[in-house]
Amino acid sequence: MDKRIVVVCTLALVAAACQDMPPAGKASAGMPAYVPANALPPVVSAASDQLAGPVWQWQRTQLGSAPVVVASAPERYTLSFDGGGRVNVRADCNRGGGSYEVDGTAIRFGAIALTRMGCPPGSQDGEFLRSLVQAATYTVDRGELVLTLADGASMRFRPAR
């Protein structure tokens, strides 16, 4: 009887191991993307070195025909890139980080994990983060970082002094 249980458990494990896995980087419905532990990191071009170094403080966002959103406290809304594809984010009272990829002037932010503090009334953290995840391209224009969003809007940042 004990041998039957061992055989049944072994067959169940073999069957589970033989299930189709989604291709690396592709997610099944409702499941996170599978990326092997030994997968190569995302390609980050040398152009990302242009972003690394300063702490970039959000100045304003121009949302198409909508009024300009001006950061009330730029030092509370920041990005800090390192050359290895990681970014540190401050969104008012919340802090965290995530990944980014650069290909030429194209930029894409990966998932950004943040603390979930309740910021005070008047916080612009939601506006800042909603715009940030839409970034499609970047330029550095006269010392300012300009992120152009997928809908044509733009975010402007200045290095902290």
C-alpha atoms as a PDB file:
ATOM      1  CA  MET A   1       0.000   0.000   0.000  1.00  0.00           C
ATOM      2  CA  ASP A   2       2.820   2.436   0.817  1.00  0.00           C
ATOM      3  CA  LYS A   3       4.426   1.691  -2.561  1.00  0.00           C
ATOM      4  CA  ARG A   4       1.201   2.658  -4.363  1.00  0.00           C
ATOM      5  CA  ILE A   5       1.144   6.033  -2.626  1.00  0.00           C
ATOM      6  CA  VAL A   6       4.790   6.665  -3.566  1.00  0.00           C
ATOM      7  CA  VAL A   7       4.083   5.681  -7.197  1.00  0.00           C
ATOM      8  CA  VAL A   8       0.975   7.895  -7.416  1.00  0.00           C
ATOM      9  CA  CYS A   9       2.828  10.868  -5.883  1.00  0.00           C
ATOM     10  CA  THR A  10       5.774  10.347  -8.236  1.00  0.00           C
ATOM     11  CA  LEU A  11       3.483  10.233 -11.272  1.00  0.00           C
ATOM     12  CA  ALA A  12       1.704  13.390 -10.118  1.00  0.00           C
ATOM     13  CA  LEU A  13       5.027  15.205  -9.764  1.00  0.00           C
ATOM     14  CA  VAL A  14       6.198  14.034 -13.199  1.00  0.00           C
ATOM     15  CA  ALA A  15       2.923  15.147 -14.785  1.00  0.00           C
ATOM     16  CA  ALA A  16       3.142  18.564 -13.126  1.00  0.00           C
ATOM     17  CA  ALA A  17       6.742  19.003 -14.259  1.00  0.00           C
ATOM     18  CA  CYS A  18       5.808  18.192 -17.843  1.00  0.00           C
ATOM     19  CA  GLN A  19       3.112  20.862 -18.103  1.00  0.00           C
ATOM     20  CA  ASP A  20       3.615  23.480 -20.782  1.00  0.00           C
ATOM     21  CA  MET A  21       5.280  26.574 -19.413  1.00  0.00           C
ATOM     22  CA  PRO A  22       4.651  29.865 -21.167  1.00  0.00           C
ATOM     23  CA  PRO A  23       7.673  31.121 -23.119  1.00  0.00           C
ATOM     24  CA  ALA A  24      10.065  33.263 -21.104  1.00  0.00           C
ATOM     25  CA  GLY A  25       8.683  36.748 -20.643  1.00  0.00           C
ATOM     26  CA  LYS A  26       5.130  35.769 -21.699  1.00  0.00           C
ATOM     27  CA  ALA A  27       2.384  35.644 -19.105  1.00  0.00           C
ATOM     28  CA  SER A  28      -0.604  33.336 -18.964  1.00  0.00           C
ATOM     29  CA  ALA A  29      -3.948  34.982 -18.282  1.00  0.00           C
ATOM     30  CA  GLY A  30      -3.862  36.355 -14.755  1.00  0.00           C
ATOM     31  CA  MET A  31      -0.307  35.136 -14.107  1.00  0.00           C
ATOM     32  CA  PRO A  32       2.961  37.070 -13.932  1.00  0.00           C
ATOM     33  CA  ALA A  33       5.479  36.687 -16.736  1.00  0.00           C
ATOM     34  CA  TYR A  34       7.855  33.754 -16.297  1.00  0.00           C
ATOM     35  CA  VAL A  35      11.493  34.742 -16.553  1.00  0.00           C
ATOM     36  CA  PRO A  36      14.128  32.114 -15.779  1.00  0.00           C
ATOM     37  CA  ALA A  37      16.439  32.952 -12.901  1.00  0.00           C
ATOM     38  CA  ASN A  38      19.451  32.696 -15.202  1.00  0.00           C
ATOM     39  CA  ALA A  39      17.968  34.971 -17.895  1.00  0.00           C
ATOM     40  CA  LEU A  40      20.088  37.838 -19.143  1.00  0.00           C
ATOM     41  CA  PRO A  41      19.133  41.282 -17.840  1.00  0.00           C
ATOM     42  CA  PRO A  42      17.356  43.684 -20.197  1.00  0.00           C
ATOM     43  CA  VAL A  43      19.473  45.437 -22.779  1.00  0.00           C
ATOM     44  CA  VAL A  44      20.327  48.897 -21.558  1.00  0.00           C
ATOM     45  CA  SER A  45      22.208  51.086 -23.984  1.00  0.00           C
ATOM     46  CA  ALA A  46      25.095  53.377 -23.154  1.00  0.00           C
ATOM     47  CA  ALA A  47      22.689  56.263 -23.698  1.00  0.00           C
ATOM     48  CA  SER A  48      21.233  55.515 -20.271  1.00  0.00           C
ATOM     49  CA  ASP A  49      24.503  56.831 -18.783  1.00  0.00           C
ATOM     50  CA  GLN A  50      23.203  60.266 -19.756  1.00  0.00           C
ATOM     51  CA  LEU A  51      20.416  59.782 -17.203  1.00  0.00           C
ATOM     52  CA  ALA A  52      22.597  58.409 -14.419  1.00  0.00           C
ATOM     53  CA  GLY A  53      24.132  60.639 -11.802  1.00  0.00           C
ATOM     54  CA  PRO A  54      21.854  63.498 -10.804  1.00  0.00           C
ATOM     55  CA  VAL A  55      18.659  63.266  -8.833  1.00  0.00           C
ATOM     56  CA  TRP A  56      16.056  64.566 -11.285  1.00  0.00           C
ATOM     57  CA  GLN A  57      13.327  66.727  -9.708  1.00  0.00           C
ATOM     58  CA  TRP A  58       9.946  66.926 -11.431  1.00  0.00           C
ATOM     59  CA  GLN A  59       9.102  70.476 -12.517  1.00  0.00           C
ATOM     60  CA  ARG A  60       5.920  70.165 -14.560  1.00  0.00           C
ATOM     61  CA  THR A  61       3.811  68.058 -16.901  1.00  0.00           C
ATOM     62  CA  GLN A  62       2.182  69.411 -20.038  1.00  0.00           C
ATOM     63  CA  LEU A  63      -0.890  67.276 -20.764  1.00  0.00           C
ATOM     64  CA  GLY A  64      -1.892  68.057 -24.347  1.00  0.00           C
ATOM     65  CA  SER A  65      -4.649  70.675 -24.288  1.00  0.00           C
ATOM     66  CA  ALA A  66      -5.083  70.455 -20.500  1.00  0.00           C
ATOM     67  CA  PRO A  67      -3.454  73.041 -18.239  1.00  0.00           C
ATOM     68  CA  VAL A  68       0.160  72.518 -17.199  1.00  0.00           C
ATOM     69  CA  VAL A  69       0.554  70.616 -13.914  1.00  0.00           C
ATOM     70  CA  VAL A  70       3.332  72.317 -11.945  1.00  0.00           C
ATOM     71  CA  ALA A  71       5.059  70.402  -9.167  1.00  0.00           C
ATOM     72  CA  SER A  72       4.271  72.144  -5.898  1.00  0.00           C
ATOM     73  CA  ALA A  73       7.424  70.731  -4.221  1.00  0.00           C
ATOM     74  CA  PRO A  74       9.871  69.400  -6.860  1.00  0.00           C
ATOM     75  CA  GLU A  75      12.205  67.921  -4.231  1.00  0.00           C
ATOM     76  CA  ARG A  76       9.382  65.519  -3.232  1.00  0.00           C
ATOM     77  CA  TYR A  77       8.991  64.050  -6.759  1.00  0.00           C
ATOM     78  CA  THR A  78      12.277  62.651  -7.983  1.00  0.00           C
ATOM     79  CA  LEU A  79      13.955  60.080 -10.213  1.00  0.00           C
ATOM     80  CA  SER A  80      17.481  58.779  -9.714  1.00  0.00           C
ATOM     81  CA  PHE A  81      18.810  56.461 -12.442  1.00  0.00           C
ATOM     82  CA  ASP A  82      21.791  54.188 -12.212  1.00  0.00           C
ATOM     83  CA  GLY A  83      23.547  52.959 -15.337  1.00  0.00           C
ATOM     84  CA  GLY A  84      22.456  49.363 -14.711  1.00  0.00           C
ATOM     85  CA  GLY A  85      18.773  49.729 -15.543  1.00  0.00           C
ATOM     86  CA  ARG A  86      17.519  50.550 -12.029  1.00  0.00           C
ATOM     87  CA  VAL A  87      15.655  53.699 -11.036  1.00  0.00           C
ATOM     88  CA  ASN A  88      14.835  55.086  -7.579  1.00  0.00           C
ATOM     89  CA  VAL A  89      11.578  56.994  -7.328  1.00  0.00           C
ATOM     90  CA  ARG A  90      10.221  59.411  -4.771  1.00  0.00           C
ATOM     91  CA  ALA A  91       6.550  60.321  -5.127  1.00  0.00           C
ATOM     92  CA  ASP A  92       5.868  62.745  -2.265  1.00  0.00           C
ATOM     93  CA  CYS A  93       5.745  60.624   0.909  1.00  0.00           C
ATOM     94  CA  ASN A  94       6.329  57.331  -0.927  1.00  0.00           C
ATOM     95  CA  ARG A  95       9.655  55.916  -2.045  1.00  0.00           C
ATOM     96  CA  GLY A  96      10.720  52.907  -4.010  1.00  0.00           C
ATOM     97  CA  GLY A  97      12.350  51.724  -7.161  1.00  0.00           C
ATOM     98  CA  GLY A  98      12.119  49.616 -10.243  1.00  0.00           C
ATOM     99  CA  SER A  99      13.672  49.014 -13.606  1.00  0.00           C
ATOM    100  CA  TYR A 100      13.954  50.940 -16.818  1.00  0.00           C
ATOM    101  CA  GLU A 101      15.147  50.161 -20.326  1.00  0.00           C
ATOM    102  CA  VAL A 102      16.608  52.558 -22.853  1.00  0.00           C
ATOM    103  CA  ASP A 103      16.969  51.933 -26.581  1.00  0.00           C
ATOM    104  CA  GLY A 104      18.247  55.031 -28.341  1.00  0.00           C
ATOM    105  CA  THR A 105      15.887  57.738 -27.112  1.00  0.00           C
ATOM    106  CA  ALA A 106      13.116  55.264 -26.269  1.00  0.00           C
ATOM    107  CA  ILE A 107      12.590  54.648 -22.554  1.00  0.00           C
ATOM    108  CA  ARG A 108      10.330  52.205 -20.771  1.00  0.00           C
ATOM    109  CA  PHE A 109       9.823  51.823 -17.044  1.00  0.00           C
ATOM    110  CA  GLY A 110       9.197  48.370 -15.642  1.00  0.00           C
ATOM    111  CA  ALA A 111       7.200  47.731 -12.500  1.00  0.00           C
ATOM    112  CA  ILE A 112       7.959  50.280  -9.789  1.00  0.00           C
ATOM    113  CA  ALA A 113       7.536  49.086  -6.210  1.00  0.00           C
ATOM    114  CA  LEU A 114       6.666  51.877  -3.787  1.00  0.00           C
ATOM    115  CA  THR A 115       5.770  52.238  -0.162  1.00  0.00           C
ATOM    116  CA  ARG A 116       2.043  52.882   0.299  1.00  0.00           C
ATOM    117  CA  MET A 117       1.978  55.724   2.781  1.00  0.00           C
ATOM    118  CA  GLY A 118      -1.062  57.959   2.830  1.00  0.00           C
ATOM    119  CA  CYS A 119       0.302  61.275   1.585  1.00  0.00           C
ATOM    120  CA  PRO A 120      -1.220  64.513   2.879  1.00  0.00           C
ATOM    121  CA  PRO A 121      -4.083  66.244   1.063  1.00  0.00           C
ATOM    122  CA  GLY A 122      -2.876  68.113  -2.008  1.00  0.00           C
ATOM    123  CA  SER A 123      -0.250  65.499  -2.843  1.00  0.00           C
ATOM    124  CA  GLN A 124       0.521  65.160  -6.537  1.00  0.00           C
ATOM    125  CA  ASP A 125       1.824  61.596  -6.228  1.00  0.00           C
ATOM    126  CA  GLY A 126      -0.988  60.081  -8.323  1.00  0.00           C
ATOM    127  CA  GLU A 127      -0.525  62.581 -11.157  1.00  0.00           C
ATOM    128  CA  PHE A 128       3.245  62.092 -11.075  1.00  0.00           C
ATOM    129  CA  LEU A 129       3.094  58.282 -11.164  1.00  0.00           C
ATOM    130  CA  ARG A 130       0.298  58.086 -13.773  1.00  0.00           C
ATOM    131  CA  SER A 131       2.360  60.224 -16.111  1.00  0.00           C
ATOM    132  CA  LEU A 132       5.668  58.513 -15.366  1.00  0.00           C
ATOM    133  CA  VAL A 133       4.520  55.040 -16.423  1.00  0.00           C
ATOM    134  CA  GLN A 134       3.474  56.438 -19.819  1.00  0.00           C
ATOM    135  CA  ALA A 135       6.998  57.615 -20.693  1.00  0.00           C
ATOM    136  CA  ALA A 136       7.927  56.625 -24.262  1.00  0.00           C
ATOM    137  CA  THR A 137      11.001  58.721 -25.158  1.00  0.00           C
ATOM    138  CA  TYR A 138      13.469  60.987 -23.429  1.00  0.00           C
ATOM    139  CA  THR A 139      15.840  63.826 -24.238  1.00  0.00           C
ATOM    140  CA  VAL A 140      18.136  65.991 -22.188  1.00  0.00           C
ATOM    141  CA  ASP A 141      17.479  69.549 -23.340  1.00  0.00           C
ATOM    142  CA  ARG A 142      19.597  72.394 -21.877  1.00  0.00           C
ATOM    143  CA  GLY A 143      20.227  70.364 -18.739  1.00  0.00           C
ATOM    144  CA  GLU A 144      16.581  69.332 -18.284  1.00  0.00           C
ATOM    145  CA  LEU A 145      15.326  65.781 -18.635  1.00  0.00           C
ATOM    146  CA  VAL A 146      12.220  65.689 -20.825  1.00  0.00           C
ATOM    147  CA  LEU A 147      10.099  62.526 -20.843  1.00  0.00           C
ATOM    148  CA  THR A 148       7.638  62.455 -23.725  1.00  0.00           C
ATOM    149  CA  LEU A 149       4.622  60.343 -22.885  1.00  0.00           C
ATOM    150  CA  ALA A 150       2.815  57.926 -25.189  1.00  0.00           C
ATOM    151  CA  ASP A 151      -0.039  60.420 -25.672  1.00  0.00           C
ATOM    152  CA  GLY A 152       2.320  63.288 -26.617  1.00  0.00           C
ATOM    153  CA  ALA A 153       2.310  64.963 -23.200  1.00  0.00           C
ATOM    154  CA  SER A 154       5.675  65.710 -21.587  1.00  0.00           C
ATOM    155  CA  MET A 155       7.224  65.738 -18.131  1.00  0.00           C
ATOM    156  CA  ARG A 156      10.165  68.020 -17.327  1.00  0.00           C
ATOM    157  CA  PHE A 157      12.794  67.432 -14.649  1.00  0.00           C
ATOM    158  CA  ARG A 158      15.797  69.436 -13.442  1.00  0.00           C
ATOM    159  CA  PRO A 159      18.821  68.110 -11.584  1.00  0.00           C
ATOM    160  CA  ALA A 160      18.732  68.735  -7.837  1.00  0.00           C
ATOM    161  CA  ARG A 161      21.117  71.454  -6.665  1.00  0.00           C
END
